[in-house]
C-alpha atoms as a PDB file:
ATOM      1  CA  MET A   1     -15.981 -16.655  16.365  1.00  0.00           C
ATOM      2  CA  PHE A   2     -12.482 -17.794  15.407  1.00  0.00           C
ATOM      3  CA  ALA A   3     -13.881 -19.613  12.355  1.00  0.00           C
ATOM      4  CA  ILE A   4     -15.933 -16.567  11.336  1.00  0.00           C
ATOM      5  CA  GLY A   5     -12.814 -14.430  11.458  1.00  0.00           C
ATOM      6  CA  GLN A   6     -10.941 -16.864   9.231  1.00  0.00           C
ATOM      7  CA  TYR A   7     -13.806 -17.050   6.720  1.00  0.00           C
ATOM      8  CA  LEU A   8     -13.908 -13.260   6.555  1.00  0.00           C
ATOM      9  CA  LEU A   9     -10.139 -13.171   6.037  1.00  0.00           C
ATOM     10  CA  VAL A  10     -10.418 -15.614   3.131  1.00  0.00           C
ATOM     11  CA  ALA A  11     -13.278 -13.578   1.662  1.00  0.00           C
ATOM     12  CA  ALA A  12     -11.234 -10.368   1.935  1.00  0.00           C
ATOM     13  CA  THR A  13      -8.296 -12.055   0.231  1.00  0.00           C
ATOM     14  CA  LEU A  14     -10.382 -13.348  -2.666  1.00  0.00           C
ATOM     15  CA  LEU A  15     -12.148 -10.007  -3.113  1.00  0.00           C
ATOM     16  CA  THR A  16      -8.829  -8.144  -3.160  1.00  0.00           C
ATOM     17  CA  ILE A  17      -7.397 -10.484  -5.782  1.00  0.00           C
ATOM     18  CA  VAL A  18     -10.539 -10.268  -7.932  1.00  0.00           C
ATOM     19  CA  ALA A  19     -10.559  -6.480  -7.558  1.00  0.00           C
ATOM     20  CA  LEU A  20      -6.946  -6.356  -8.744  1.00  0.00           C
ATOM     21  CA  LEU A  21      -7.666  -8.516 -11.781  1.00  0.00           C
ATOM     22  CA  THR A  22     -10.791  -6.505 -12.583  1.00  0.00           C
ATOM     23  CA  SER A  23      -8.822  -3.273 -12.332  1.00  0.00           C
ATOM     24  CA  ILE A  24      -6.174  -4.600 -14.703  1.00  0.00           C
ATOM     25  CA  VAL A  25      -8.807  -5.639 -17.240  1.00  0.00           C
ATOM     26  CA  GLY A  26     -10.731  -2.381 -16.830  1.00  0.00           C
ATOM     27  CA  PHE A  27      -7.705  -0.162 -17.337  1.00  0.00           C
ATOM     28  CA  ALA A  28      -6.514  -2.288 -20.263  1.00  0.00           C
ATOM     29  CA  ARG A  29      -9.931  -1.904 -21.901  1.00  0.00           C
ATOM     30  CA  ARG A  30      -9.885   1.818 -21.171  1.00  0.00           C
ATOM     31  CA  HIS A  31      -6.524   2.110 -22.899  1.00  0.00           C
ATOM     32  CA  GLU A  32      -7.858   0.238 -25.932  1.00  0.00           C
ATOM     33  CA  HIS A  33     -10.946   2.445 -26.162  1.00  0.00           C
ATOM     34  CA  ALA A  34      -8.909   5.628 -25.772  1.00  0.00           C
ATOM     35  CA  ALA A  35      -6.499   4.504 -28.483  1.00  0.00           C
ATOM     36  CA  ALA A  36      -9.364   3.545 -30.781  1.00  0.00           C
ATOM     37  CA  ARG A  37     -11.086   6.916 -30.336  1.00  0.00           C
ATOM     38  CA  ALA A  38      -7.825   8.757 -30.976  1.00  0.00           C
ATOM     39  CA  GLY A  39      -6.908   6.536 -33.909  1.00  0.00           C
ATOM     40  CA  VAL A  40      -3.589   5.404 -32.372  1.00  0.00           C
ATOM     41  CA  PRO A  41      -1.259   3.686 -32.581  1.00  0.00           C
ATOM     42  CA  VAL A  42      -1.031   3.958 -36.351  1.00  0.00           C
ATOM     43  CA  ALA A  43       2.083   2.738 -38.127  1.00  0.00           C
ATOM     44  CA  ALA A  44       2.956   4.900 -41.107  1.00  0.00           C
ATOM     45  CA  GLY A  45       5.825   4.024 -43.431  1.00  0.00           C
ATOM     46  CA  SER A  46       7.559   6.812 -45.278  1.00  0.00           C
ATOM     47  CA  ALA A  47       7.481   7.065 -49.038  1.00  0.00           C
ATOM     48  CA  GLY A  48      11.228   6.822 -49.147  1.00  0.00           C
ATOM     49  CA  GLY A  49      11.219   3.510 -47.297  1.00  0.00           C
ATOM     50  CA  THR A  50      13.359   4.872 -44.500  1.00  0.00           C
ATOM     51  CA  GLY A  51      11.226   3.450 -41.716  1.00  0.00           C
ATOM     52  CA  GLY A  52       7.961   3.934 -39.872  1.00  0.00           C
ATOM     53  CA  SER A  53       6.595   6.249 -37.265  1.00  0.00           C
ATOM     54  CA  VAL A  54       3.903   5.942 -34.604  1.00  0.00           C
ATOM     55  CA  LEU A  55       1.261   8.607 -34.296  1.00  0.00           C
ATOM     56  CA  THR A  56       0.594   9.456 -30.650  1.00  0.00           C
ATOM     57  CA  VAL A  57      -1.555  11.868 -28.696  1.00  0.00           C
ATOM     58  CA  GLU A  58      -1.113  13.500 -25.323  1.00  0.00           C
ATOM     59  CA  ARG A  59      -2.392  11.336 -22.450  1.00  0.00           C
ATOM     60  CA  PRO A  60      -4.955  12.860 -20.105  1.00  0.00           C
ATOM     61  CA  ALA A  61      -3.474  14.517 -17.033  1.00  0.00           C
ATOM     62  CA  VAL A  62      -5.899  12.971 -14.568  1.00  0.00           C
ATOM     63  CA  ASP A  63      -7.440   9.610 -13.981  1.00  0.00           C
ATOM     64  CA  THR A  64     -10.671  10.163 -15.870  1.00  0.00           C
ATOM     65  CA  ILE A  65     -12.956   7.786 -17.696  1.00  0.00           C
ATOM     66  CA  GLY A  66     -13.920   8.861 -21.160  1.00  0.00           C
ATOM     67  CA  HIS A  67     -17.393   8.918 -22.643  1.00  0.00           C
ATOM     68  CA  GLY A  68     -18.006   7.314 -25.945  1.00  0.00           C
ATOM     69  CA  ALA A  69     -18.333   3.934 -27.556  1.00  0.00           C
ATOM     70  CA  GLY A  70     -17.595   1.262 -24.983  1.00  0.00           C
ATOM     71  CA  SER A  71     -16.722   3.680 -22.198  1.00  0.00           C
ATOM     72  CA  GLY A  72     -19.722   2.632 -20.087  1.00  0.00           C
ATOM     73  CA  GLU A  73     -18.478  -0.956 -19.957  1.00  0.00           C
ATOM     74  CA  VAL A  74     -14.994   0.190 -18.952  1.00  0.00           C
ATOM     75  CA  HIS A  75     -16.449   2.509 -16.312  1.00  0.00           C
ATOM     76  CA  GLY A  76     -18.428  -0.452 -14.953  1.00  0.00           C
ATOM     77  CA  LEU A  77     -15.360  -2.656 -14.569  1.00  0.00           C
ATOM     78  CA  VAL A  78     -13.363  -0.002 -12.753  1.00  0.00           C
ATOM     79  CA  TRP A  79     -16.341   0.939 -10.571  1.00  0.00           C
ATOM     80  CA  TYR A  80     -16.958  -2.689  -9.609  1.00  0.00           C
ATOM     81  CA  ALA A  81     -13.280  -3.152  -8.783  1.00  0.00           C
ATOM     82  CA  SER A  82     -13.415  -0.132  -6.489  1.00  0.00           C
ATOM     83  CA  ARG A  83     -16.504  -1.410  -4.701  1.00  0.00           C
ATOM     84  CA  MET A  84     -14.942  -4.836  -4.284  1.00  0.00           C
ATOM     85  CA  VAL A  85     -12.059  -3.176  -2.461  1.00  0.00           C
ATOM     86  CA  TRP A  86     -14.543  -1.492  -0.117  1.00  0.00           C
ATOM     87  CA  ILE A  87     -16.255  -4.810   0.581  1.00  0.00           C
ATOM     88  CA  ALA A  88     -12.874  -6.481   1.099  1.00  0.00           C
ATOM     89  CA  LEU A  89     -12.001  -3.792   3.637  1.00  0.00           C
ATOM     90  CA  ALA A  90     -15.311  -4.395   5.448  1.00  0.00           C
ATOM     91  CA  CYS A  91     -14.631  -8.153   5.533  1.00  0.00           C
ATOM     92  CA  LEU A  92     -11.096  -7.581   6.776  1.00  0.00           C
ATOM     93  CA  THR A  93     -12.351  -5.232   9.487  1.00  0.00           C
ATOM     94  CA  GLY A  94     -14.824  -7.910  10.566  1.00  0.00           C
ATOM     95  CA  SER A  95     -12.045 -10.491  10.638  1.00  0.00           C
ATOM     96  CA  LEU A  96      -9.895  -8.286  12.887  1.00  0.00           C
ATOM     97  CA  VAL A  97     -12.827  -7.573  15.214  1.00  0.00           C
ATOM     98  CA  ALA A  98     -13.516 -11.310  15.480  1.00  0.00           C
ATOM     99  CA  ARG A  99      -9.874 -11.929  16.296  1.00  0.00           C
ATOM    100  CA  ILE A 100      -9.991  -9.281  19.031  1.00  0.00           C
ATOM    101  CA  LEU A 101     -13.070 -10.904  20.563  1.00  0.00           C
ATOM    102  CA  VAL A 102     -11.340 -14.286  20.584  1.00  0.00           C
ATOM    103  CA  THR A 103      -7.964 -13.168  21.935  1.00  0.00           C
ATOM    104  CA  GLY A 104      -8.992 -10.265  24.150  1.00  0.00           C
ATOM    105  CA  HIS A 105      -6.289  -7.983  22.711  1.00  0.00           C
ATOM    106  CA  GLY A 106      -5.392  -6.209  19.500  1.00  0.00           C
ATOM    107  CA  PRO A 107      -4.547  -8.461  16.542  1.00  0.00           C
ATOM    108  CA  PHE A 108      -0.867  -7.526  16.525  1.00  0.00           C
ATOM    109  CA  THR A 109       1.054 -10.241  18.365  1.00  0.00           C
ATOM    110  CA  ASN A 110       2.329 -12.571  15.629  1.00  0.00           C
ATOM    111  CA  GLN A 111       3.033 -12.594  11.903  1.00  0.00           C
ATOM    112  CA  HIS A 112      -0.472 -13.832  11.018  1.00  0.00           C
ATOM    113  CA  GLU A 113      -2.185 -11.073  12.963  1.00  0.00           C
ATOM    114  CA  PHE A 114       0.174  -8.304  11.978  1.00  0.00           C
ATOM    115  CA  ALA A 115       0.115  -9.259   8.280  1.00  0.00           C
ATOM    116  CA  THR A 116      -3.689  -9.075   8.402  1.00  0.00           C
ATOM    117  CA  SER A 117      -3.500  -5.696  10.133  1.00  0.00           C
ATOM    118  CA  PHE A 118      -0.846  -4.530   7.637  1.00  0.00           C
ATOM    119  CA  ALA A 119      -3.187  -5.353   4.745  1.00  0.00           C
ATOM    120  CA  TRP A 120      -6.014  -3.541   6.541  1.00  0.00           C
ATOM    121  CA  GLY A 121      -3.843  -0.429   6.834  1.00  0.00           C
ATOM    122  CA  VAL A 122      -2.981  -0.614   3.128  1.00  0.00           C
ATOM    123  CA  LEU A 123      -6.643  -0.883   2.094  1.00  0.00           C
ATOM    124  CA  VAL A 124      -7.709   1.939   4.436  1.00  0.00           C
ATOM    125  CA  ALA A 125      -5.040   4.232   3.010  1.00  0.00           C
ATOM    126  CA  TYR A 126      -5.925   3.273  -0.565  1.00  0.00           C
ATOM    127  CA  VAL A 127      -9.666   3.837  -0.073  1.00  0.00           C
ATOM    128  CA  TRP A 128      -9.034   7.260   1.452  1.00  0.00           C
ATOM    129  CA  PHE A 129      -6.651   8.384  -1.297  1.00  0.00           C
ATOM    130  CA  GLU A 130      -8.962   7.024  -3.986  1.00  0.00           C
ATOM    131  CA  TRP A 131     -11.836   9.031  -2.501  1.00  0.00           C
ATOM    132  CA  ARG A 132      -9.725  12.143  -1.961  1.00  0.00           C
ATOM    133  CA  TYR A 133      -8.034  12.282  -5.364  1.00  0.00           C
ATOM    134  CA  ARG A 134     -10.393  10.172  -7.533  1.00  0.00           C
ATOM    135  CA  VAL A 135      -7.394   8.177  -8.753  1.00  0.00           C
ATOM    136  CA  ARG A 136      -8.374   4.538  -9.077  1.00  0.00           C
ATOM    137  CA  THR A 137      -5.256   3.807 -11.107  1.00  0.00           C
ATOM    138  CA  LEU A 138      -3.389   3.514  -7.794  1.00  0.00           C
ATOM    139  CA  SER A 139      -5.062   0.123  -7.405  1.00  0.00           C
ATOM    140  CA  LEU A 140      -2.673  -1.301 -10.012  1.00  0.00           C
ATOM    141  CA  ALA A 141       0.252  -0.859  -7.589  1.00  0.00           C
ATOM    142  CA  VAL A 142      -1.486  -0.862  -4.181  1.00  0.00           C
ATOM    143  CA  LEU A 143      -3.657  -3.973  -4.473  1.00  0.00           C
ATOM    144  CA  PRO A 144      -0.726  -6.331  -5.220  1.00  0.00           C
ATOM    145  CA  VAL A 145       0.759  -5.284  -1.871  1.00  0.00           C
ATOM    146  CA  ALA A 146      -2.521  -5.859  -0.013  1.00  0.00           C
ATOM    147  CA  ALA A 147      -3.178  -9.171  -1.764  1.00  0.00           C
ATOM    148  CA  GLY A 148       0.359 -10.370  -1.079  1.00  0.00           C
ATOM    149  CA  MET A 149       0.025  -9.525   2.623  1.00  0.00           C
ATOM    150  CA  LEU A 150      -3.293 -11.333   2.882  1.00  0.00           C
ATOM    151  CA  LEU A 151      -1.943 -14.457   1.180  1.00  0.00           C
ATOM    152  CA  TYR A 152       1.050 -14.321   3.501  1.00  0.00           C
ATOM    153  CA  ALA A 153      -1.268 -14.012   6.518  1.00  0.00           C
ATOM    154  CA  LEU A 154      -3.205 -17.094   5.437  1.00  0.00           C
ATOM    155  CA  ALA A 155       0.056 -19.029   5.144  1.00  0.00           C
ATOM    156  CA  GLN A 156       1.060 -18.236   8.743  1.00  0.00           C
ATOM    157  CA  PRO A 157      -0.016 -20.175  11.867  1.00  0.00           C
ATOM    158  CA  SER A 158      -3.256 -18.632  13.123  1.00  0.00           C
ATOM    159  CA  GLU A 159      -3.758 -20.426  16.436  1.00  0.00           C
ATOM    160  CA  VAL A 160      -4.287 -18.285  19.504  1.00  0.00           C
ATOM    161  CA  LYS A 161      -1.474 -18.449  22.058  1.00  0.00           C
ATOM    162  CA  PRO A 162      -1.019 -16.751  25.451  1.00  0.00           C
ATOM    163  CA  LEU A 163       0.844 -13.453  25.301  1.00  0.00           C
ATOM    164  CA  ILE A 164       4.444 -13.426  26.425  1.00  0.00           C
ATOM    165  CA  PRO A 165       5.057 -11.080  29.403  1.00  0.00           C
ATOM    166  CA  ALA A 166       6.574  -8.298  27.267  1.00  0.00           C
ATOM    167  CA  LEU A 167       3.337  -7.999  25.286  1.00  0.00           C
ATOM    168  CA  GLN A 168       0.950  -7.940  28.235  1.00  0.00           C
ATOM    169  CA  ASN A 169       0.120  -4.249  28.020  1.00  0.00           C
ATOM    170  CA  ASN A 170      -3.035  -3.866  25.968  1.00  0.00           C
ATOM    171  CA  LEU A 171      -2.966  -0.065  25.776  1.00  0.00           C
ATOM    172  CA  LEU A 172       0.615   0.276  24.577  1.00  0.00           C
ATOM    173  CA  LEU A 173       0.332  -2.819  22.383  1.00  0.00           C
ATOM    174  CA  THR A 174      -2.661  -1.300  20.605  1.00  0.00           C
ATOM    175  CA  LEU A 175      -1.237   2.218  20.277  1.00  0.00           C
ATOM    176  CA  HIS A 176       2.261   1.138  19.251  1.00  0.00           C
ATOM    177  CA  ILE A 177       1.203  -1.319  16.563  1.00  0.00           C
ATOM    178  CA  ALA A 178      -1.810   0.653  15.369  1.00  0.00           C
ATOM    179  CA  THR A 179       0.440   3.610  14.532  1.00  0.00           C
ATOM    180  CA  ALA A 180       2.757   1.216  12.679  1.00  0.00           C
ATOM    181  CA  VAL A 181      -0.157  -0.231  10.682  1.00  0.00           C
ATOM    182  CA  LEU A 182      -1.387   3.226   9.659  1.00  0.00           C
ATOM    183  CA  ALA A 183       2.154   4.343   8.807  1.00  0.00           C
ATOM    184  CA  TYR A 184       2.719   1.281   6.642  1.00  0.00           C
ATOM    185  CA  GLY A 185      -0.577   1.872   4.848  1.00  0.00           C
ATOM    186  CA  GLY A 186       0.429   5.418   3.963  1.00  0.00           C
ATOM    187  CA  ALA A 187       3.857   4.171   2.904  1.00  0.00           C
ATOM    188  CA  ALA A 188       2.236   1.643   0.560  1.00  0.00           C
ATOM    189  CA  VAL A 189       0.246   4.402  -1.166  1.00  0.00           C
ATOM    190  CA  SER A 190       3.370   6.562  -1.507  1.00  0.00           C
ATOM    191  CA  PHE A 191       5.184   3.553  -2.937  1.00  0.00           C
ATOM    192  CA  ALA A 192       2.404   2.933  -5.462  1.00  0.00           C
ATOM    193  CA  ALA A 193       2.393   6.568  -6.556  1.00  0.00           C
ATOM    194  CA  ALA A 194       6.194   6.490  -6.922  1.00  0.00           C
ATOM    195  CA  VAL A 195       6.098   3.324  -9.039  1.00  0.00           C
ATOM    196  CA  LEU A 196       3.447   4.772 -11.367  1.00  0.00           C
ATOM    197  CA  TYR A 197       5.417   8.043 -11.512  1.00  0.00           C
ATOM    198  CA  LEU A 198       8.536   6.231 -12.712  1.00  0.00           C
ATOM    199  CA  ILE A 199       6.829   4.000 -15.266  1.00  0.00           C
ATOM    200  CA  ARG A 200       4.455   6.616 -16.708  1.00  0.00           C
ATOM    201  CA  PRO A 201       6.901   7.998 -19.315  1.00  0.00           C
ATOM    202  CA  LYS A 202       7.951   4.483 -20.307  1.00  0.00           C
ATOM    203  CA  VAL A 203       4.552   2.949 -21.024  1.00  0.00           C
ATOM    204  CA  GLY A 204       1.798   3.924 -23.386  1.00  0.00           C
ATOM    205  CA  TRP A 205      -1.064   3.596 -20.912  1.00  0.00           C
ATOM    206  CA  ARG A 206      -3.766   6.181 -21.419  1.00  0.00           C
ATOM    207  CA  GLY A 207      -5.668   7.203 -18.336  1.00  0.00           C
ATOM    208  CA  LEU A 208      -2.701   7.286 -15.958  1.00  0.00           C
ATOM    209  CA  PRO A 209      -2.651  10.383 -13.737  1.00  0.00           C
ATOM    210  CA  SER A 210      -0.197  13.131 -14.539  1.00  0.00           C
ATOM    211  CA  ARG A 211       3.255  12.888 -13.004  1.00  0.00           C
ATOM    212  CA  ASP A 212       2.525  16.040 -11.010  1.00  0.00           C
ATOM    213  CA  LEU A 213      -0.505  14.405  -9.422  1.00  0.00           C
ATOM    214  CA  LEU A 214       1.390  11.193  -8.690  1.00  0.00           C
ATOM    215  CA  ASP A 215       4.204  13.221  -7.138  1.00  0.00           C
ATOM    216  CA  GLU A 216       1.647  15.030  -4.965  1.00  0.00           C
ATOM    217  CA  ILE A 217       0.022  11.762  -3.830  1.00  0.00           C
ATOM    218  CA  GLY A 218       3.405  10.308  -2.941  1.00  0.00           C
ATOM    219  CA  TYR A 219       4.186  13.417  -0.906  1.00  0.00           C
ATOM    220  CA  ARG A 220       0.821  13.399   0.874  1.00  0.00           C
ATOM    221  CA  GLY A 221       1.238   9.735   1.707  1.00  0.00           C
ATOM    222  CA  ALA A 222       4.649  10.451   3.202  1.00  0.00           C
ATOM    223  CA  ILE A 223       3.254  13.362   5.213  1.00  0.00           C
ATOM    224  CA  PHE A 224       0.756  10.941   6.759  1.00  0.00           C
ATOM    225  CA  THR A 225       3.329   8.185   7.256  1.00  0.00           C
ATOM    226  CA  TYR A 226       5.977  10.262   8.994  1.00  0.00           C
ATOM    227  CA  PRO A 227       4.103  11.331  12.156  1.00  0.00           C
ATOM    228  CA  MET A 228       2.732   7.794  12.517  1.00  0.00           C
ATOM    229  CA  LEU A 229       6.285   6.413  12.355  1.00  0.00           C
ATOM    230  CA  THR A 230       7.399   8.984  14.914  1.00  0.00           C
ATOM    231  CA  ALA A 231       4.562   8.027  17.264  1.00  0.00           C
ATOM    232  CA  MET A 232       5.397   4.343  16.752  1.00  0.00           C
ATOM    233  CA  LEU A 233       9.018   4.901  17.800  1.00  0.00           C
ATOM    234  CA  VAL A 234       8.123   7.052  20.799  1.00  0.00           C
ATOM    235  CA  LEU A 235       5.464   4.643  22.043  1.00  0.00           C
ATOM    236  CA  GLY A 236       7.800   1.719  21.456  1.00  0.00           C
ATOM    237  CA  ALA A 237      10.510   3.391  23.526  1.00  0.00           C
ATOM    238  CA  ILE A 238       8.071   4.012  26.382  1.00  0.00           C
ATOM    239  CA  TRP A 239       6.889   0.414  26.225  1.00  0.00           C
ATOM    240  CA  ALA A 240      10.471  -0.883  26.103  1.00  0.00           C
ATOM    241  CA  ASP A 241      11.302   1.022  29.270  1.00  0.00           C
ATOM    242  CA  ILE A 242       8.275  -0.482  31.023  1.00  0.00           C
ATOM    243  CA  ALA A 243       8.881  -4.031  29.759  1.00  0.00           C
ATOM    244  CA  TRP A 244      12.693  -4.228  29.670  1.00  0.00           C
ATOM    245  CA  GLY A 245      13.919  -1.313  31.802  1.00  0.00           C
ATOM    246  CA  ARG A 246      15.495   0.756  29.005  1.00  0.00           C
ATOM    247  CA  TYR A 247      14.141   2.978  26.241  1.00  0.00           C
ATOM    248  CA  TRP A 248      16.434   1.746  23.464  1.00  0.00           C
ATOM    249  CA  SER A 249      18.559  -1.366  23.120  1.00  0.00           C
ATOM    250  CA  TRP A 250      19.570  -1.356  19.427  1.00  0.00           C
ATOM    251  CA  ASP A 251      17.502  -4.474  18.912  1.00  0.00           C
ATOM    252  CA  PRO A 252      17.560  -5.413  15.177  1.00  0.00           C
ATOM    253  CA  LYS A 253      13.909  -4.521  14.643  1.00  0.00           C
ATOM    254  CA  GLU A 254      14.273  -1.278  16.582  1.00  0.00           C
ATOM    255  CA  THR A 255      17.232  -0.369  14.408  1.00  0.00           C
ATOM    256  CA  ALA A 256      15.401  -1.290  11.210  1.00  0.00           C
ATOM    257  CA  SER A 257      12.436   0.852  12.277  1.00  0.00           C
ATOM    258  CA  LEU A 258      14.800   3.755  12.907  1.00  0.00           C
ATOM    259  CA  VAL A 259      16.189   3.339   9.379  1.00  0.00           C
ATOM    260  CA  ILE A 260      12.642   3.623   7.989  1.00  0.00           C
ATOM    261  CA  TRP A 261      12.110   6.828   9.959  1.00  0.00           C
ATOM    262  CA  LEU A 262      15.411   8.251   8.698  1.00  0.00           C
ATOM    263  CA  ILE A 263      14.516   7.492   5.062  1.00  0.00           C
ATOM    264  CA  TYR A 264      11.199   9.322   5.324  1.00  0.00           C
ATOM    265  CA  SER A 265      12.931  12.122   7.241  1.00  0.00           C
ATOM    266  CA  ALA A 266      15.383  12.456   4.356  1.00  0.00           C
ATOM    267  CA  TYR A 267      12.562  12.457   1.795  1.00  0.00           C
ATOM    268  CA  LEU A 268      10.550  15.157   3.569  1.00  0.00           C
ATOM    269  CA  HIS A 269      13.654  17.264   4.209  1.00  0.00           C
ATOM    270  CA  ALA A 270      14.688  17.024   0.564  1.00  0.00           C
ATOM    271  CA  ARG A 271      11.168  17.803  -0.597  1.00  0.00           C
ATOM    272  CA  VAL A 272      10.442  20.732   1.716  1.00  0.00           C
ATOM    273  CA  VAL A 273      13.886  22.340   2.041  1.00  0.00           C
ATOM    274  CA  ARG A 274      15.429  21.543  -1.333  1.00  0.00           C
ATOM    275  CA  ASP A 275      12.202  21.078  -3.324  1.00  0.00           C
ATOM    276  CA  TRP A 276      13.237  17.606  -4.446  1.00  0.00           C
ATOM    277  CA  ARG A 277      10.794  16.179  -6.952  1.00  0.00           C
ATOM    278  CA  GLY A 278      10.972  13.774  -9.825  1.00  0.00           C
ATOM    279  CA  ASP A 279      12.757  10.468 -10.100  1.00  0.00           C
ATOM    280  CA  ARG A 280      15.060  10.942  -7.103  1.00  0.00           C
ATOM    281  CA  ALA A 281      12.148  11.639  -4.767  1.00  0.00           C
ATOM    282  CA  ALA A 282      10.224   8.657  -6.171  1.00  0.00           C
ATOM    283  CA  TRP A 283      13.158   6.335  -5.567  1.00  0.00           C
ATOM    284  CA  LEU A 284      13.377   7.544  -1.953  1.00  0.00           C
ATOM    285  CA  LEU A 285       9.727   6.591  -1.436  1.00  0.00           C
ATOM    286  CA  ILE A 286      10.363   3.170  -2.947  1.00  0.00           C
ATOM    287  CA  ALA A 287      13.400   2.727  -0.704  1.00  0.00           C
ATOM    288  CA  GLY A 288      11.292   3.673   2.309  1.00  0.00           C
ATOM    289  CA  PHE A 289       8.678   1.031   1.563  1.00  0.00           C
ATOM    290  CA  ALA A 290      11.363  -1.554   0.815  1.00  0.00           C
ATOM    291  CA  ALA A 291      12.705  -0.850   4.312  1.00  0.00           C
ATOM    292  CA  VAL A 292       9.182  -1.321   5.691  1.00  0.00           C
ATOM    293  CA  LEU A 293       8.911  -4.745   4.066  1.00  0.00           C
ATOM    294  CA  PHE A 294      12.384  -5.704   5.231  1.00  0.00           C
ATOM    295  CA  THR A 295      11.495  -4.745   8.800  1.00  0.00           C
ATOM    296  CA  PHE A 296       8.212  -6.641   8.687  1.00  0.00           C
ATOM    297  CA  PHE A 297       9.596  -9.868   7.224  1.00  0.00           C
ATOM    298  CA  GLY A 298      12.716  -9.534   9.353  1.00  0.00           C
ATOM    299  CA  ASN A 299      10.997 -11.451  12.140  1.00  0.00           C
ATOM    300  CA  HIS A 300      11.843 -14.609  10.200  1.00  0.00           C
ATOM    301  CA  PHE A 301      15.570 -14.040  10.633  1.00  0.00           C
ATOM    302  CA  PHE A 302      16.029 -11.291  13.247  1.00  0.00           C
ATOM    303  CA  THR A 303      17.143 -12.296  16.696  1.00  0.00           C
ATOM    304  CA  GLY A 304      16.579 -10.099  19.716  1.00  0.00           C
ATOM    305  CA  MET A 305      13.627  -8.933  21.745  1.00  0.00           C
ATOM    306  CA  HIS A 306      11.237  -8.605  18.812  1.00  0.00           C
ATOM    307  CA  ALA A 307      11.781 -12.126  17.485  1.00  0.00           C
ATOM    308  CA  TYR A 308       8.557 -13.408  19.026  1.00  0.00           C
ATOM    309  CA  GLY A 309       6.339 -12.152  16.178  1.00  0.00           C
END
């Protein structure tokens, strides 16, 4: 069973990487076809020799796939990339189930297991947002995160070890880390939407969603992330009291998790109360996910009660 789980993890990693590459090629081809149909870019020098200009057209507001010469091939590439992500998610789910059967507890107790679960959360969030908003362009910024996590998981020791006493609470272990995994998945989608929001005016890619839609996806991702982060902190405090006799000890990872919660609190407050949108809101979402990554990888250099991961 252990070997099956590892094979499924490798398969999920390869499928995610191939899906990313296929998405890149598909969207690049889409851009070429859209430019060819619109007759752009076209360099036109002036009669007076004062320079050239580039003829441009308005980009579509949503992530649609055009119909015309070559569009079927482009649609096929993007469609196949999307389905590869679904299959990768199925493989990753199978890998986590196999790990649970081997260890007898949730796959959350070391960097290998949590990185795998982190990637699972990212893919689940991406698949849901892709289905909900029909925006496959998010894959260009989400899949690198998932692929990076999976490669990192494969690089970590995967042997099964007995749980340390502090982790021997299956219910709280599962609830505490599961909420973190789901929160991090939503944060990854918000991050991807924020990145695409910021680069959209600076690149000539046709087929990118409108900035309004990207702003909305980032907001919806944060709305999902925030209650999961809150539940993670509350459950962690309850578990800490059971395991260590106090709800909060200002452990480095506890403090870093609190910083994440405060960043998303600031984003939602600014968005709801002050109607913050645009570049400032996007940078807050990027800062929030940067804090997530810092907290996750912090186990390599944090000391304290969470240094076992």
